[in-house]
Protein backbone atom coordinates (compact mmCIF):
# COMPACT_ATOMS: atom_id res chain seq x y z
CA MET A 1 45.94 196.79 217.51
CA GLU A 2 43.56 199.59 219.16
CA ARG A 3 41.68 196.84 220.96
CA ILE A 4 45.26 195.26 222.13
CA LEU A 5 46.83 198.95 223.16
CA LEU A 6 43.42 199.64 225.09
CA ALA A 7 43.30 196.47 226.80
CA HIS A 8 46.79 196.95 228.34
CA GLY A 9 46.13 200.66 228.74
CA GLY A 10 43.97 199.94 231.48
CA GLY A 11 40.63 201.88 229.20
CA GLU A 12 40.53 204.56 226.59
CA GLY A 13 40.30 207.45 229.26
CA ASP A 14 43.81 206.28 230.67
CA THR A 15 45.83 205.86 227.79
CA GLY A 16 47.05 208.90 226.78
CA PHE A 17 47.10 207.77 223.20
CA GLN A 18 45.00 207.95 219.99
CA VAL A 19 45.22 205.01 217.57
CA VAL A 20 45.09 206.68 213.81
CA SER A 21 44.69 204.86 210.54
CA ASN A 22 47.05 206.52 207.89
CA PRO A 23 47.03 204.45 205.03
CA GLU A 24 49.52 204.25 202.30
CA PHE A 25 48.80 204.64 198.18
CA PHE A 26 52.32 204.02 196.94
CA PRO A 27 52.72 201.90 194.01
CA GLU A 28 55.96 199.98 194.01
CA GLY A 29 59.40 201.70 193.28
CA THR A 30 58.00 205.39 193.62
CA ALA A 31 57.46 205.68 197.13
CA VAL A 32 59.89 208.66 197.92
CA ARG A 33 58.55 210.39 194.99
CA ASP A 34 54.84 209.97 195.79
CA LEU A 35 55.27 210.79 199.73
CA LEU A 36 56.94 214.46 198.84
CA CYS A 37 54.26 214.36 196.08
CA PRO A 38 51.18 212.48 196.93
CA GLY A 39 47.62 212.36 195.08
CA CYS A 40 46.12 212.33 198.55
CA VAL A 41 46.60 211.60 202.13
CA LEU A 42 44.01 209.20 204.18
CA ILE A 43 43.84 209.92 207.74
CA GLY A 44 41.17 207.80 209.56
CA ASP A 45 40.27 208.23 213.49
CA HIS A 46 36.78 208.83 215.62
CA ASP A 47 38.96 211.92 217.88
CA ARG A 48 38.92 215.10 215.73
CA ASP A 49 41.76 216.56 217.99
CA ALA A 50 44.40 213.11 216.70
CA LEU A 51 43.32 213.64 213.09
CA ARG A 52 44.31 217.50 213.16
CA ALA A 53 47.30 216.41 214.82
CA LEU A 54 48.31 214.23 211.85
CA VAL A 55 47.17 216.82 209.20
CA ASP A 56 48.81 219.36 210.80
CA VAL A 57 52.26 217.47 210.13
CA TYR A 58 51.36 216.71 206.55
CA ALA A 59 50.45 220.45 205.96
CA HIS A 60 53.74 221.41 205.93
CA TRP A 61 54.39 219.77 202.56
CA VAL A 62 51.17 218.84 200.95
CA PRO A 63 48.17 220.99 200.50
CA GLU A 64 45.07 220.53 203.07
CA ASP A 65 42.95 219.89 199.78
CA ARG A 66 45.02 216.42 199.07
CA ILE A 67 44.17 215.33 202.71
CA VAL A 68 41.08 213.19 203.25
CA MET A 69 40.00 212.57 206.48
CA THR A 70 37.36 209.86 207.60
CA THR A 71 35.33 209.31 210.92
CA SER A 72 36.31 206.06 211.71
CA LEU A 73 39.82 203.31 211.34
CA TYR A 74 37.95 200.92 209.65
CA SER A 75 37.08 203.70 206.87
CA ALA A 76 39.92 204.83 206.38
CA GLU A 77 41.44 200.83 206.10
CA LEU A 78 38.85 199.82 203.92
CA SER A 79 39.08 202.78 201.33
CA LYS A 80 42.94 201.24 201.25
CA LEU A 81 41.94 197.89 200.10
CA THR A 82 39.16 198.91 197.92
CA ALA A 83 41.50 201.31 196.15
CA ASN A 84 43.86 198.60 195.59
CA THR A 85 41.07 195.66 194.66
CA PHE A 86 39.21 198.21 192.24
CA LEU A 87 42.74 198.50 190.30
CA ALA A 88 43.41 195.02 190.30
CA GLN A 89 39.69 194.98 189.01
CA ARG A 90 40.39 196.84 185.95
CA VAL A 91 43.77 194.77 185.39
CA SER A 92 41.63 191.29 185.26
CA SER A 93 39.23 193.28 183.22
CA ALA A 94 41.54 194.24 180.54
CA ASN A 95 43.04 190.65 180.82
CA ALA A 96 39.49 189.03 179.95
CA ILE A 97 39.27 191.07 177.20
CA SER A 98 42.26 190.04 175.81
CA ALA A 99 41.16 186.43 175.40
CA LEU A 100 38.26 187.60 173.48
CA CYS A 101 40.37 189.49 171.58
CA GLU A 102 42.42 186.74 170.61
CA ALA A 103 39.89 184.40 169.59
CA THR A 104 38.47 187.49 167.12
CA ASP A 105 40.02 190.16 165.32
CA ALA A 106 40.35 192.86 167.53
CA ASP A 107 43.47 194.04 169.05
CA VAL A 108 43.53 194.59 172.53
CA SER A 109 46.17 197.50 172.45
CA ASP A 110 43.51 199.45 170.40
CA VAL A 111 40.20 198.68 173.00
CA SER A 112 42.51 199.15 175.74
CA ARG A 113 43.42 203.02 173.94
CA ALA A 114 39.86 203.76 173.57
CA VAL A 115 38.26 202.52 177.30
CA GLY A 116 41.10 204.81 178.38
CA MET A 117 39.84 207.90 176.68
CA ASP A 118 36.40 207.71 178.15
CA ARG A 119 35.96 209.63 180.97
CA ARG A 120 33.12 207.94 182.44
CA VAL A 121 35.13 204.66 182.48
CA VAL A 122 38.74 206.02 183.74
CA GLY A 123 37.64 209.23 185.54
CA GLY A 124 40.80 211.07 186.32
CA VAL A 125 43.25 208.11 186.12
CA GLY A 126 43.10 207.70 182.26
CA GLY A 127 44.41 204.58 181.18
CA ALA A 128 46.14 203.57 183.86
CA PHE A 129 46.21 199.63 184.67
CA LEU A 130 43.86 198.96 181.28
CA ASN A 131 46.71 197.48 179.07
CA ALA A 132 46.02 193.55 179.37
CA ASP A 133 49.35 191.72 180.46
CA VAL A 134 50.15 188.29 181.87
CA GLY A 135 48.80 189.20 184.86
CA PHE A 136 48.71 192.31 187.64
CA GLY A 137 51.51 190.43 189.64
CA ARG A 138 51.57 193.48 192.32
CA PRO A 139 51.61 191.34 195.68
CA ARG A 140 49.44 194.08 197.11
CA PHE A 141 47.08 193.44 194.86
CA HIS A 142 46.88 190.15 195.61
CA GLY A 143 47.07 190.03 198.77
CA ASP A 144 44.34 193.48 199.10
CA VAL A 145 42.21 191.46 197.11
CA LEU A 146 42.04 188.34 199.01
CA ARG A 147 41.72 190.57 202.72
CA LEU A 148 38.37 191.86 201.12
CA VAL A 149 37.09 188.87 200.63
CA TYR A 150 37.75 187.50 204.06
CA ALA A 151 36.20 190.59 205.00
CA CYS A 152 32.90 189.63 203.06
CA ASP A 153 33.38 186.23 203.89
CA CYS A 154 33.23 187.62 207.58
CA ASP A 155 30.09 189.84 207.13
CA ASP A 156 28.36 186.84 205.32
CA SER A 157 28.26 188.48 202.19
CA PRO A 158 28.49 185.10 199.75
CA GLU A 159 27.59 187.09 196.40
CA SER A 160 30.40 189.74 197.44
CA VAL A 161 33.23 187.13 197.97
CA GLU A 162 32.58 185.41 195.01
CA TYR A 163 32.99 188.41 192.90
CA TRP A 164 36.19 189.37 194.23
CA ARG A 165 36.89 185.90 193.92
CA GLN A 166 36.98 185.87 190.43
CA VAL A 167 38.96 188.86 190.23
CA VAL A 168 42.02 186.65 191.18
CA ALA A 169 40.69 183.53 188.96
CA VAL A 170 41.26 185.56 186.06
CA ASN A 171 44.24 186.93 187.07
CA GLU A 172 45.51 183.15 187.76
CA TYR A 173 43.64 181.68 184.24
CA GLN A 174 45.87 184.64 182.21
CA LYS A 175 49.03 183.28 183.71
CA SER A 176 47.95 179.84 182.63
CA GLN A 177 46.65 181.04 179.48
CA PHE A 178 50.23 182.51 178.47
CA VAL A 179 51.94 179.75 179.16
CA ARG A 180 49.26 177.34 177.47
CA ARG A 181 49.89 179.98 174.01
CA VAL A 182 53.66 179.45 174.36
CA VAL A 183 53.78 175.88 174.34
CA SER A 184 51.38 175.82 171.42
CA SER A 185 53.58 177.76 169.52
CA MET A 186 56.39 175.69 169.76
CA PHE A 187 54.17 172.69 168.64
CA GLY A 188 52.76 171.24 171.61
CA THR A 189 55.40 170.90 173.90
CA VAL A 190 59.01 172.63 175.37
CA ALA A 191 60.27 170.02 176.84
CA GLY A 192 64.00 169.88 175.94
CA LYS A 193 63.75 173.05 174.42
CA LYS A 194 65.40 176.55 175.29
CA VAL A 195 63.08 178.81 176.78
CA THR A 196 64.50 182.53 177.91
CA MET A 197 62.74 184.72 180.08
CA LEU A 198 63.65 188.25 180.02
CA GLY A 199 63.04 189.95 182.84
CA PHE A 200 61.56 188.66 186.37
CA VAL A 201 59.88 191.11 188.35
CA PHE A 202 56.51 192.37 187.71
CA LYS A 203 57.61 196.09 186.85
CA LYS A 204 60.59 197.92 185.91
CA GLY A 205 62.37 199.78 188.63
CA ILE A 206 61.73 197.32 191.40
CA ALA A 207 63.41 194.38 192.44
CA ASP A 208 60.71 192.33 193.75
CA THR A 209 59.76 189.16 192.58
CA ARG A 210 56.60 188.20 194.74
CA GLU A 211 53.62 187.46 192.96
CA SER A 212 55.38 188.43 189.90
CA PRO A 213 53.60 186.25 186.90
CA ALA A 214 57.03 185.72 185.76
CA VAL A 215 57.39 183.05 188.51
CA ASP A 216 54.39 181.42 187.64
CA VAL A 217 54.57 181.46 184.34
CA CYS A 218 58.19 180.01 184.41
CA TRP A 219 57.36 177.17 186.76
CA GLY A 220 54.42 176.45 183.96
CA LEU A 221 57.48 176.08 181.10
CA LEU A 222 59.40 174.19 184.06
CA GLY A 223 56.14 171.53 184.31
CA ASP A 224 56.47 170.84 180.49
CA ARG A 225 60.02 170.04 180.78
CA ALA A 226 61.60 173.23 179.25
CA ASP A 227 65.48 174.52 179.20
CA ALA A 228 64.61 177.55 181.03
CA SER A 229 66.90 180.41 181.06
CA VAL A 230 66.12 183.42 183.31
CA TYR A 231 67.86 187.32 182.79
CA ASP A 232 67.17 190.12 185.06
CA PRO A 233 69.53 192.33 186.39
CA ALA A 234 67.66 193.83 188.94
CA VAL A 235 67.14 190.39 190.73
CA SER A 236 70.22 188.45 192.35
CA GLU A 237 70.95 185.23 191.13
CA LYS A 238 70.13 183.36 194.71
CA GLN A 239 66.73 185.12 194.48
CA ILE A 240 65.63 183.73 190.94
CA LEU A 241 67.12 180.15 192.07
CA ARG A 242 65.01 180.11 195.33
CA ASP A 243 62.18 181.05 193.52
CA THR A 244 62.89 178.23 190.78
CA ALA A 245 64.32 175.66 193.20
CA ALA A 246 67.11 176.34 191.26
CA LYS A 247 65.66 174.71 187.75
CA VAL A 248 66.68 177.30 185.63
CA CYS A 249 69.90 178.71 184.16
CA VAL A 250 70.53 182.16 185.57
CA ALA A 251 72.12 184.23 182.57
CA ARG A 252 75.18 186.86 183.28
CA ASP A 253 73.46 189.03 180.16
CA ALA A 254 70.73 189.14 177.77
CA SER A 255 73.10 187.36 175.06
CA CYS A 256 74.27 184.62 176.89
CA ALA A 257 70.37 183.72 178.05
CA CYS A 258 69.57 183.72 174.45
CA SER A 259 72.06 182.14 173.30
CA VAL A 260 71.89 178.50 172.14
């Protein structure tokens, strides 16, 4: 974007503007609250005056010790990608451990709780993102990991590319493994059997189904010819039918979804 603006502005000295990077770190569903009380504000640019101007804007409600300034646009952008990929990596790590727990007598909840108490591992975020699940789901996690893969690939770092691709691979494995467990629990097939999904988004408090593990799980069950029913009051019937190619029954309430 900066190169485009500079090219059309006739050169850096004639533009009259500075491009500043100010990536956000807001989880889905809490954007307003996090804007008012951010854990940190990241601003990147090589021009100190431009940095100071944006810092002065945030200083009206954000303590300056929460404002982090970097000396380049790329540092700020890469910090945002790295933060999300690290969180995605934590979820994938927990999911990988959950597979081992299922094969042994270990309880993944106990393991996650214990690890979440170790300050060497979790730093200042407690046990967040250490709970195993069907997959991390968040569209920004998946997209940011792939963006980092692309950046590593452009920089000719094949080892790093493979490392971060495995974060995505473990996430995809977790979803397919969940489908296999459901099918196995139903005596090896769900063909013609009613399977109800209570919830279709990837986290409560939002209406976003993008990259939701529930969508992939639903398709996995449909692939085995399940009679799938979905109930999620946060998502419109139109969206659920669009995500499933109208191959599921969208229930009005939880009771209808579970009734035979």
